[in-house]
Amino acid sequence: FKDNEIYINRVAVSIPGSYDVNEI
């Protein structure tokens, strides 16, 4: 959070093994 702006650096999602990574 800089200069009243939000910068998303990284979003990491952990999923169960039954889902497809590329699909999500």
mmCIF file of all heavy atoms, coordinates in Angstrom:
data_MODEL
# 
_entry.id   MODEL 
# 
loop_
_atom_site.group_PDB 
_atom_site.id 
_atom_site.type_symbol 
_atom_site.label_atom_id 
_atom_site.label_alt_id 
_atom_site.label_comp_id 
_atom_site.label_asym_id 
_atom_site.label_entity_id 
_atom_site.label_seq_id 
_atom_site.pdbx_PDB_ins_code 
_atom_site.Cartn_x 
_atom_site.Cartn_y 
_atom_site.Cartn_z 
_atom_site.occupancy 
_atom_site.B_iso_or_equiv 
_atom_site.pdbx_formal_charge 
_atom_site.auth_seq_id 
_atom_site.auth_comp_id 
_atom_site.auth_asym_id 
_atom_site.auth_atom_id 
_atom_site.pdbx_PDB_model_num 
ATOM 1   N N   . PHE A 1 1  ? 0.863   -1.176  0.000   1.00 0.00 ? 1  PHE A N   1 
ATOM 2   C CA  . PHE A 1 1  ? 0.000   0.000   0.000   1.00 0.00 ? 1  PHE A CA  1 
ATOM 3   C C   . PHE A 1 1  ? 0.895   1.220   0.000   1.00 0.00 ? 1  PHE A C   1 
ATOM 4   O O   . PHE A 1 1  ? 1.521   1.540   0.999   1.00 0.00 ? 1  PHE A O   1 
ATOM 5   C CB  . PHE A 1 1  ? -0.921  -0.028  1.227   1.00 0.00 ? 1  PHE A CB  1 
ATOM 6   C CG  . PHE A 1 1  ? -1.886  1.105   1.278   1.00 0.00 ? 1  PHE A CG  1 
ATOM 7   C CD1 . PHE A 1 1  ? -2.982  1.136   0.440   1.00 0.00 ? 1  PHE A CD1 1 
ATOM 8   C CD2 . PHE A 1 1  ? -1.707  2.144   2.176   1.00 0.00 ? 1  PHE A CD2 1 
ATOM 9   C CE1 . PHE A 1 1  ? -3.880  2.177   0.484   1.00 0.00 ? 1  PHE A CE1 1 
ATOM 10  C CE2 . PHE A 1 1  ? -2.596  3.193   2.225   1.00 0.00 ? 1  PHE A CE2 1 
ATOM 11  C CZ  . PHE A 1 1  ? -3.688  3.212   1.374   1.00 0.00 ? 1  PHE A CZ  1 
ATOM 12  N N   . LYS A 1 2  ? 0.969   1.901   -1.157  1.00 0.00 ? 2  LYS A N   1 
ATOM 13  C CA  . LYS A 1 2  ? 1.830   3.074   -1.278  1.00 0.00 ? 2  LYS A CA  1 
ATOM 14  C C   . LYS A 1 2  ? 1.059   4.192   -1.967  1.00 0.00 ? 2  LYS A C   1 
ATOM 15  O O   . LYS A 1 2  ? 0.349   3.956   -2.944  1.00 0.00 ? 2  LYS A O   1 
ATOM 16  C CB  . LYS A 1 2  ? 3.066   2.759   -2.125  1.00 0.00 ? 2  LYS A CB  1 
ATOM 17  C CG  . LYS A 1 2  ? 3.989   1.735   -1.530  1.00 0.00 ? 2  LYS A CG  1 
ATOM 18  C CD  . LYS A 1 2  ? 5.124   1.445   -2.472  1.00 0.00 ? 2  LYS A CD  1 
ATOM 19  C CE  . LYS A 1 2  ? 5.898   0.252   -1.988  1.00 0.00 ? 2  LYS A CE  1 
ATOM 20  N NZ  . LYS A 1 2  ? 6.820   -0.250  -2.995  1.00 0.00 ? 2  LYS A NZ  1 
ATOM 21  N N   . ASP A 1 3  ? 1.217   5.391   -1.462  1.00 0.00 ? 3  ASP A N   1 
ATOM 22  C CA  . ASP A 1 3  ? 0.611   6.581   -2.072  1.00 0.00 ? 3  ASP A CA  1 
ATOM 23  C C   . ASP A 1 3  ? -0.878  6.399   -2.331  1.00 0.00 ? 3  ASP A C   1 
ATOM 24  O O   . ASP A 1 3  ? -1.385  6.728   -3.406  1.00 0.00 ? 3  ASP A O   1 
ATOM 25  C CB  . ASP A 1 3  ? 1.328   6.936   -3.381  1.00 0.00 ? 3  ASP A CB  1 
ATOM 26  C CG  . ASP A 1 3  ? 2.805   7.189   -3.172  1.00 0.00 ? 3  ASP A CG  1 
ATOM 27  O OD1 . ASP A 1 3  ? 3.160   7.731   -2.109  1.00 0.00 ? 3  ASP A OD1 1 
ATOM 28  O OD2 . ASP A 1 3  ? 3.604   6.840   -4.070  1.00 0.00 ? 3  ASP A OD2 1 
ATOM 29  N N   . ASN A 1 4  ? -1.578  5.836   -1.357  1.00 0.00 ? 4  ASN A N   1 
ATOM 30  C CA  . ASN A 1 4  ? -3.024  5.600   -1.435  1.00 0.00 ? 4  ASN A CA  1 
ATOM 31  C C   . ASN A 1 4  ? -3.418  4.697   -2.598  1.00 0.00 ? 4  ASN A C   1 
ATOM 32  O O   . ASN A 1 4  ? -4.512  4.803   -3.142  1.00 0.00 ? 4  ASN A O   1 
ATOM 33  C CB  . ASN A 1 4  ? -3.798  6.915   -1.514  1.00 0.00 ? 4  ASN A CB  1 
ATOM 34  C CG  . ASN A 1 4  ? -3.713  7.690   -0.229  1.00 0.00 ? 4  ASN A CG  1 
ATOM 35  O OD1 . ASN A 1 4  ? -3.594  7.108   0.839   1.00 0.00 ? 4  ASN A OD1 1 
ATOM 36  N ND2 . ASN A 1 4  ? -3.774  8.998   -0.310  1.00 0.00 ? 4  ASN A ND2 1 
ATOM 37  N N   . GLU A 1 5  ? -2.505  3.831   -3.011  1.00 0.00 ? 5  GLU A N   1 
ATOM 38  C CA  . GLU A 1 5  ? -2.799  2.852   -4.056  1.00 0.00 ? 5  GLU A CA  1 
ATOM 39  C C   . GLU A 1 5  ? -2.418  1.470   -3.553  1.00 0.00 ? 5  GLU A C   1 
ATOM 40  O O   . GLU A 1 5  ? -1.467  1.303   -2.807  1.00 0.00 ? 5  GLU A O   1 
ATOM 41  C CB  . GLU A 1 5  ? -2.039  3.171   -5.337  1.00 0.00 ? 5  GLU A CB  1 
ATOM 42  C CG  . GLU A 1 5  ? -2.510  4.437   -6.009  1.00 0.00 ? 5  GLU A CG  1 
ATOM 43  C CD  . GLU A 1 5  ? -1.824  4.674   -7.341  1.00 0.00 ? 5  GLU A CD  1 
ATOM 44  O OE1 . GLU A 1 5  ? -1.203  3.734   -7.882  1.00 0.00 ? 5  GLU A OE1 1 
ATOM 45  O OE2 . GLU A 1 5  ? -1.914  5.798   -7.842  1.00 0.00 ? 5  GLU A OE2 1 
ATOM 46  N N   . ILE A 1 6  ? -3.170  0.481   -3.998  1.00 0.00 ? 6  ILE A N   1 
ATOM 47  C CA  . ILE A 1 6  ? -2.927  -0.895  -3.589  1.00 0.00 ? 6  ILE A CA  1 
ATOM 48  C C   . ILE A 1 6  ? -2.237  -1.624  -4.738  1.00 0.00 ? 6  ILE A C   1 
ATOM 49  O O   . ILE A 1 6  ? -2.702  -1.590  -5.878  1.00 0.00 ? 6  ILE A O   1 
ATOM 50  C CB  . ILE A 1 6  ? -4.257  -1.610  -3.265  1.00 0.00 ? 6  ILE A CB  1 
ATOM 51  C CG1 . ILE A 1 6  ? -4.978  -0.877  -2.141  1.00 0.00 ? 6  ILE A CG1 1 
ATOM 52  C CG2 . ILE A 1 6  ? -4.022  -3.060  -2.896  1.00 0.00 ? 6  ILE A CG2 1 
ATOM 53  C CD1 . ILE A 1 6  ? -6.384  -1.370  -1.908  1.00 0.00 ? 6  ILE A CD1 1 
ATOM 54  N N   . TYR A 1 7  ? -1.127  -2.262  -4.418  1.00 0.00 ? 7  TYR A N   1 
ATOM 55  C CA  . TYR A 1 7  ? -0.386  -3.055  -5.398  1.00 0.00 ? 7  TYR A CA  1 
ATOM 56  C C   . TYR A 1 7  ? -0.423  -4.511  -4.960  1.00 0.00 ? 7  TYR A C   1 
ATOM 57  O O   . TYR A 1 7  ? 0.081   -4.843  -3.889  1.00 0.00 ? 7  TYR A O   1 
ATOM 58  C CB  . TYR A 1 7  ? 1.069   -2.579  -5.495  1.00 0.00 ? 7  TYR A CB  1 
ATOM 59  C CG  . TYR A 1 7  ? 1.210   -1.149  -5.948  1.00 0.00 ? 7  TYR A CG  1 
ATOM 60  C CD1 . TYR A 1 7  ? 1.363   -0.125  -5.023  1.00 0.00 ? 7  TYR A CD1 1 
ATOM 61  C CD2 . TYR A 1 7  ? 1.187   -0.833  -7.298  1.00 0.00 ? 7  TYR A CD2 1 
ATOM 62  C CE1 . TYR A 1 7  ? 1.486   1.190   -5.437  1.00 0.00 ? 7  TYR A CE1 1 
ATOM 63  C CE2 . TYR A 1 7  ? 1.307   0.481   -7.725  1.00 0.00 ? 7  TYR A CE2 1 
ATOM 64  C CZ  . TYR A 1 7  ? 1.460   1.485   -6.789  1.00 0.00 ? 7  TYR A CZ  1 
ATOM 65  O OH  . TYR A 1 7  ? 1.577   2.784   -7.191  1.00 0.00 ? 7  TYR A OH  1 
ATOM 66  N N   . ILE A 1 8  ? -1.021  -5.366  -5.788  1.00 0.00 ? 8  ILE A N   1 
ATOM 67  C CA  . ILE A 1 8  ? -1.068  -6.797  -5.481  1.00 0.00 ? 8  ILE A CA  1 
ATOM 68  C C   . ILE A 1 8  ? 0.197   -7.423  -6.057  1.00 0.00 ? 8  ILE A C   1 
ATOM 69  O O   . ILE A 1 8  ? 0.364   -7.494  -7.275  1.00 0.00 ? 8  ILE A O   1 
ATOM 70  C CB  . ILE A 1 8  ? -2.330  -7.458  -6.067  1.00 0.00 ? 8  ILE A CB  1 
ATOM 71  C CG1 . ILE A 1 8  ? -3.584  -6.801  -5.476  1.00 0.00 ? 8  ILE A CG1 1 
ATOM 72  C CG2 . ILE A 1 8  ? -2.319  -8.956  -5.802  1.00 0.00 ? 8  ILE A CG2 1 
ATOM 73  C CD1 . ILE A 1 8  ? -4.880  -7.299  -6.071  1.00 0.00 ? 8  ILE A CD1 1 
ATOM 74  N N   . ASN A 1 9  ? 1.087   -7.846  -5.176  1.00 0.00 ? 9  ASN A N   1 
ATOM 75  C CA  . ASN A 1 9  ? 2.346   -8.441  -5.608  1.00 0.00 ? 9  ASN A CA  1 
ATOM 76  C C   . ASN A 1 9  ? 2.181   -9.915  -5.959  1.00 0.00 ? 9  ASN A C   1 
ATOM 77  O O   . ASN A 1 9  ? 2.729   -10.385 -6.953  1.00 0.00 ? 9  ASN A O   1 
ATOM 78  C CB  . ASN A 1 9  ? 3.412   -8.303  -4.519  1.00 0.00 ? 9  ASN A CB  1 
ATOM 79  C CG  . ASN A 1 9  ? 3.749   -6.863  -4.234  1.00 0.00 ? 9  ASN A CG  1 
ATOM 80  O OD1 . ASN A 1 9  ? 3.690   -6.024  -5.120  1.00 0.00 ? 9  ASN A OD1 1 
ATOM 81  N ND2 . ASN A 1 9  ? 4.076   -6.577  -2.994  1.00 0.00 ? 9  ASN A ND2 1 
ATOM 82  N N   . ARG A 1 10 ? 1.410   -10.620 -5.133  1.00 0.00 ? 10 ARG A N   1 
ATOM 83  C CA  . ARG A 1 10 ? 1.329   -12.072 -5.307  1.00 0.00 ? 10 ARG A CA  1 
ATOM 84  C C   . ARG A 1 10 ? 0.047   -12.577 -4.673  1.00 0.00 ? 10 ARG A C   1 
ATOM 85  O O   . ARG A 1 10 ? -0.335  -12.151 -3.594  1.00 0.00 ? 10 ARG A O   1 
ATOM 86  C CB  . ARG A 1 10 ? 2.528   -12.708 -4.612  1.00 0.00 ? 10 ARG A CB  1 
ATOM 87  C CG  . ARG A 1 10 ? 2.616   -14.187 -4.693  1.00 0.00 ? 10 ARG A CG  1 
ATOM 88  C CD  . ARG A 1 10 ? 3.928   -14.649 -4.018  1.00 0.00 ? 10 ARG A CD  1 
ATOM 89  N NE  . ARG A 1 10 ? 3.771   -15.980 -3.517  1.00 0.00 ? 10 ARG A NE  1 
ATOM 90  C CZ  . ARG A 1 10 ? 3.338   -16.313 -2.308  1.00 0.00 ? 10 ARG A CZ  1 
ATOM 91  N NH1 . ARG A 1 10 ? 3.033   -15.391 -1.451  1.00 0.00 ? 10 ARG A NH1 1 
ATOM 92  N NH2 . ARG A 1 10 ? 3.223   -17.560 -1.939  1.00 0.00 ? 10 ARG A NH2 1 
ATOM 93  N N   . VAL A 1 11 ? -0.622  -13.490 -5.371  1.00 0.00 ? 11 VAL A N   1 
ATOM 94  C CA  . VAL A 1 11 ? -1.769  -14.204 -4.820  1.00 0.00 ? 11 VAL A CA  1 
ATOM 95  C C   . VAL A 1 11 ? -1.479  -15.689 -5.037  1.00 0.00 ? 11 VAL A C   1 
ATOM 96  O O   . VAL A 1 11 ? -1.365  -16.147 -6.170  1.00 0.00 ? 11 VAL A O   1 
ATOM 97  C CB  . VAL A 1 11 ? -3.096  -13.804 -5.516  1.00 0.00 ? 11 VAL A CB  1 
ATOM 98  C CG1 . VAL A 1 11 ? -4.238  -14.643 -4.993  1.00 0.00 ? 11 VAL A CG1 1 
ATOM 99  C CG2 . VAL A 1 11 ? -3.387  -12.330 -5.312  1.00 0.00 ? 11 VAL A CG2 1 
ATOM 100 N N   . ALA A 1 12 ? -1.340  -16.416 -3.948  1.00 0.00 ? 12 ALA A N   1 
ATOM 101 C CA  . ALA A 1 12 ? -1.061  -17.852 -4.018  1.00 0.00 ? 12 ALA A CA  1 
ATOM 102 C C   . ALA A 1 12 ? -2.293  -18.616 -3.540  1.00 0.00 ? 12 ALA A C   1 
ATOM 103 O O   . ALA A 1 12 ? -2.810  -18.353 -2.459  1.00 0.00 ? 12 ALA A O   1 
ATOM 104 C CB  . ALA A 1 12 ? 0.144   -18.204 -3.159  1.00 0.00 ? 12 ALA A CB  1 
ATOM 105 N N   . VAL A 1 13 ? -2.756  -19.535 -4.367  1.00 0.00 ? 13 VAL A N   1 
ATOM 106 C CA  . VAL A 1 13 ? -3.944  -20.322 -4.057  1.00 0.00 ? 13 VAL A CA  1 
ATOM 107 C C   . VAL A 1 13 ? -3.534  -21.784 -3.923  1.00 0.00 ? 13 VAL A C   1 
ATOM 108 O O   . VAL A 1 13 ? -2.893  -22.348 -4.814  1.00 0.00 ? 13 VAL A O   1 
ATOM 109 C CB  . VAL A 1 13 ? -5.011  -20.170 -5.171  1.00 0.00 ? 13 VAL A CB  1 
ATOM 110 C CG1 . VAL A 1 13 ? -6.244  -20.992 -4.855  1.00 0.00 ? 13 VAL A CG1 1 
ATOM 111 C CG2 . VAL A 1 13 ? -5.371  -18.710 -5.376  1.00 0.00 ? 13 VAL A CG2 1 
ATOM 112 N N   . SER A 1 14 ? -3.906  -22.387 -2.804  1.00 0.00 ? 14 SER A N   1 
ATOM 113 C CA  . SER A 1 14 ? -3.652  -23.812 -2.584  1.00 0.00 ? 14 SER A CA  1 
ATOM 114 C C   . SER A 1 14 ? -4.962  -24.550 -2.792  1.00 0.00 ? 14 SER A C   1 
ATOM 115 O O   . SER A 1 14 ? -5.983  -24.200 -2.206  1.00 0.00 ? 14 SER A O   1 
ATOM 116 C CB  . SER A 1 14 ? -3.135  -24.061 -1.171  1.00 0.00 ? 14 SER A CB  1 
ATOM 117 O OG  . SER A 1 14 ? -1.923  -23.373 -0.965  1.00 0.00 ? 14 SER A OG  1 
ATOM 118 N N   . ILE A 1 15 ? -4.909  -25.581 -3.638  1.00 0.00 ? 15 ILE A N   1 
ATOM 119 C CA  . ILE A 1 15 ? -6.134  -26.314 -3.985  1.00 0.00 ? 15 ILE A CA  1 
ATOM 120 C C   . ILE A 1 15 ? -5.962  -27.795 -3.668  1.00 0.00 ? 15 ILE A C   1 
ATOM 121 O O   . ILE A 1 15 ? -4.846  -28.307 -3.626  1.00 0.00 ? 15 ILE A O   1 
ATOM 122 C CB  . ILE A 1 15 ? -6.468  -26.142 -5.481  1.00 0.00 ? 15 ILE A CB  1 
ATOM 123 C CG1 . ILE A 1 15 ? -5.320  -26.667 -6.362  1.00 0.00 ? 15 ILE A CG1 1 
ATOM 124 C CG2 . ILE A 1 15 ? -6.769  -24.689 -5.798  1.00 0.00 ? 15 ILE A CG2 1 
ATOM 125 C CD1 . ILE A 1 15 ? -5.647  -26.728 -7.826  1.00 0.00 ? 15 ILE A CD1 1 
ATOM 126 N N   . PRO A 1 16 ? -7.086  -28.485 -3.451  1.00 0.00 ? 16 PRO A N   1 
ATOM 127 C CA  . PRO A 1 16 ? -7.003  -29.939 -3.273  1.00 0.00 ? 16 PRO A CA  1 
ATOM 128 C C   . PRO A 1 16 ? -6.568  -30.612 -4.576  1.00 0.00 ? 16 PRO A C   1 
ATOM 129 O O   . PRO A 1 16 ? -6.680  -30.031 -5.660  1.00 0.00 ? 16 PRO A O   1 
ATOM 130 C CB  . PRO A 1 16 ? -8.435  -30.339 -2.903  1.00 0.00 ? 16 PRO A CB  1 
ATOM 131 C CG  . PRO A 1 16 ? -9.120  -29.078 -2.482  1.00 0.00 ? 16 PRO A CG  1 
ATOM 132 C CD  . PRO A 1 16 ? -8.421  -27.974 -3.199  1.00 0.00 ? 16 PRO A CD  1 
ATOM 133 N N   . GLY A 1 17 ? -6.112  -31.825 -4.486  1.00 0.00 ? 17 GLY A N   1 
ATOM 134 C CA  . GLY A 1 17 ? -5.592  -32.553 -5.643  1.00 0.00 ? 17 GLY A CA  1 
ATOM 135 C C   . GLY A 1 17 ? -6.633  -32.895 -6.695  1.00 0.00 ? 17 GLY A C   1 
ATOM 136 O O   . GLY A 1 17 ? -6.283  -33.266 -7.809  1.00 0.00 ? 17 GLY A O   1 
ATOM 137 N N   . SER A 1 18 ? -7.910  -32.760 -6.393  1.00 0.00 ? 18 SER A N   1 
ATOM 138 C CA  . SER A 1 18 ? -8.948  -33.134 -7.355  1.00 0.00 ? 18 SER A CA  1 
ATOM 139 C C   . SER A 1 18 ? -9.233  -32.045 -8.388  1.00 0.00 ? 18 SER A C   1 
ATOM 140 O O   . SER A 1 18 ? -9.955  -32.277 -9.350  1.00 0.00 ? 18 SER A O   1 
ATOM 141 C CB  . SER A 1 18 ? -10.240 -33.466 -6.606  1.00 0.00 ? 18 SER A CB  1 
ATOM 142 O OG  . SER A 1 18 ? -10.659 -32.357 -5.827  1.00 0.00 ? 18 SER A OG  1 
ATOM 143 N N   . TYR A 1 19 ? -8.659  -30.857 -8.226  1.00 0.00 ? 19 TYR A N   1 
ATOM 144 C CA  . TYR A 1 19 ? -8.896  -29.759 -9.162  1.00 0.00 ? 19 TYR A CA  1 
ATOM 145 C C   . TYR A 1 19 ? -7.711  -29.586 -10.096 1.00 0.00 ? 19 TYR A C   1 
ATOM 146 O O   . TYR A 1 19 ? -6.583  -29.945 -9.776  1.00 0.00 ? 19 TYR A O   1 
ATOM 147 C CB  . TYR A 1 19 ? -9.139  -28.438 -8.422  1.00 0.00 ? 19 TYR A CB  1 
ATOM 148 C CG  . TYR A 1 19 ? -10.351 -28.450 -7.523  1.00 0.00 ? 19 TYR A CG  1 
ATOM 149 C CD1 . TYR A 1 19 ? -10.249 -28.033 -6.208  1.00 0.00 ? 19 TYR A CD1 1 
ATOM 150 C CD2 . TYR A 1 19 ? -11.599 -28.864 -7.978  1.00 0.00 ? 19 TYR A CD2 1 
ATOM 151 C CE1 . TYR A 1 19 ? -11.342 -28.023 -5.369  1.00 0.00 ? 19 TYR A CE1 1 
ATOM 152 C CE2 . TYR A 1 19 ? -12.703 -28.864 -7.152  1.00 0.00 ? 19 TYR A CE2 1 
ATOM 153 C CZ  . TYR A 1 19 ? -12.574 -28.443 -5.847  1.00 0.00 ? 19 TYR A CZ  1 
ATOM 154 O OH  . TYR A 1 19 ? -13.658 -28.447 -5.020  1.00 0.00 ? 19 TYR A OH  1 
ATOM 155 N N   . ASP A 1 20 ? -7.968  -28.969 -11.267 1.00 0.00 ? 20 ASP A N   1 
ATOM 156 C CA  . ASP A 1 20 ? -6.932  -28.723 -12.258 1.00 0.00 ? 20 ASP A CA  1 
ATOM 157 C C   . ASP A 1 20 ? -6.332  -27.330 -12.036 1.00 0.00 ? 20 ASP A C   1 
ATOM 158 O O   . ASP A 1 20 ? -7.060  -26.335 -11.925 1.00 0.00 ? 20 ASP A O   1 
ATOM 159 C CB  . ASP A 1 20 ? -7.521  -28.823 -13.664 1.00 0.00 ? 20 ASP A CB  1 
ATOM 160 C CG  . ASP A 1 20 ? -6.485  -28.620 -14.749 1.00 0.00 ? 20 ASP A CG  1 
ATOM 161 O OD1 . ASP A 1 20 ? -5.325  -29.047 -14.555 1.00 0.00 ? 20 ASP A OD1 1 
ATOM 162 O OD2 . ASP A 1 20 ? -6.832  -28.011 -15.793 1.00 0.00 ? 20 ASP A OD2 1 
ATOM 163 N N   . VAL A 1 21 ? -5.006  -27.238 -11.998 1.00 0.00 ? 21 VAL A N   1 
ATOM 164 C CA  . VAL A 1 21 ? -4.306  -25.990 -11.733 1.00 0.00 ? 21 VAL A CA  1 
ATOM 165 C C   . VAL A 1 21 ? -4.604  -24.949 -12.812 1.00 0.00 ? 21 VAL A C   1 
ATOM 166 O O   . VAL A 1 21 ? -4.949  -23.798 -12.524 1.00 0.00 ? 21 VAL A O   1 
ATOM 167 C CB  . VAL A 1 21 ? -2.781  -26.233 -11.621 1.00 0.00 ? 21 VAL A CB  1 
ATOM 168 C CG1 . VAL A 1 21 ? -2.012  -24.929 -11.579 1.00 0.00 ? 21 VAL A CG1 1 
ATOM 169 C CG2 . VAL A 1 21 ? -2.452  -27.079 -10.411 1.00 0.00 ? 21 VAL A CG2 1 
ATOM 170 N N   . ASN A 1 22 ? -4.494  -25.333 -14.067 1.00 0.00 ? 22 ASN A N   1 
ATOM 171 C CA  . ASN A 1 22 ? -4.696  -24.386 -15.168 1.00 0.00 ? 22 ASN A CA  1 
ATOM 172 C C   . ASN A 1 22 ? -6.143  -23.908 -15.242 1.00 0.00 ? 22 ASN A C   1 
ATOM 173 O O   . ASN A 1 22 ? -6.405  -22.754 -15.593 1.00 0.00 ? 22 ASN A O   1 
ATOM 174 C CB  . ASN A 1 22 ? -4.279  -25.017 -16.499 1.00 0.00 ? 22 ASN A CB  1 
ATOM 175 C CG  . ASN A 1 22 ? -2.788  -25.266 -16.557 1.00 0.00 ? 22 ASN A CG  1 
ATOM 176 O OD1 . ASN A 1 22 ? -2.012  -24.479 -16.014 1.00 0.00 ? 22 ASN A OD1 1 
ATOM 177 N ND2 . ASN A 1 22 ? -2.383  -26.358 -17.184 1.00 0.00 ? 22 ASN A ND2 1 
ATOM 178 N N   . GLU A 1 23 ? -7.064  -24.783 -14.922 1.00 0.00 ? 23 GLU A N   1 
ATOM 179 C CA  . GLU A 1 23 ? -8.488  -24.415 -14.936 1.00 0.00 ? 23 GLU A CA  1 
ATOM 180 C C   . GLU A 1 23 ? -8.770  -23.331 -13.888 1.00 0.00 ? 23 GLU A C   1 
ATOM 181 O O   . GLU A 1 23 ? -9.474  -22.356 -14.165 1.00 0.00 ? 23 GLU A O   1 
ATOM 182 C CB  . GLU A 1 23 ? -9.332  -25.661 -14.661 1.00 0.00 ? 23 GLU A CB  1 
ATOM 183 C CG  . GLU A 1 23 ? -10.816 -25.435 -14.719 1.00 0.00 ? 23 GLU A CG  1 
ATOM 184 C CD  . GLU A 1 23 ? -11.580 -26.732 -14.427 1.00 0.00 ? 23 GLU A CD  1 
ATOM 185 O OE1 . GLU A 1 23 ? -11.111 -27.809 -14.822 1.00 0.00 ? 23 GLU A OE1 1 
ATOM 186 O OE2 . GLU A 1 23 ? -12.637 -26.622 -13.794 1.00 0.00 ? 23 GLU A OE2 1 
ATOM 187 N N   . ILE A 1 24 ? -8.204  -23.477 -12.702 1.00 0.00 ? 24 ILE A N   1 
ATOM 188 C CA  . ILE A 1 24 ? -8.416  -22.495 -11.632 1.00 0.00 ? 24 ILE A CA  1 
ATOM 189 C C   . ILE A 1 24 ? -7.699  -21.186 -11.957 1.00 0.00 ? 24 ILE A C   1 
ATOM 190 O O   . ILE A 1 24 ? -8.237  -20.103 -11.729 1.00 0.00 ? 24 ILE A O   1 
ATOM 191 C CB  . ILE A 1 24 ? -7.982  -23.064 -10.269 1.00 0.00 ? 24 ILE A CB  1 
ATOM 192 C CG1 . ILE A 1 24 ? -8.967  -24.161 -9.870  1.00 0.00 ? 24 ILE A CG1 1 
ATOM 193 C CG2 . ILE A 1 24 ? -7.905  -21.984 -9.213  1.00 0.00 ? 24 ILE A CG2 1 
ATOM 194 C CD1 . ILE A 1 24 ? -8.738  -24.785 -8.554  1.00 0.00 ? 24 ILE A CD1 1 
# 
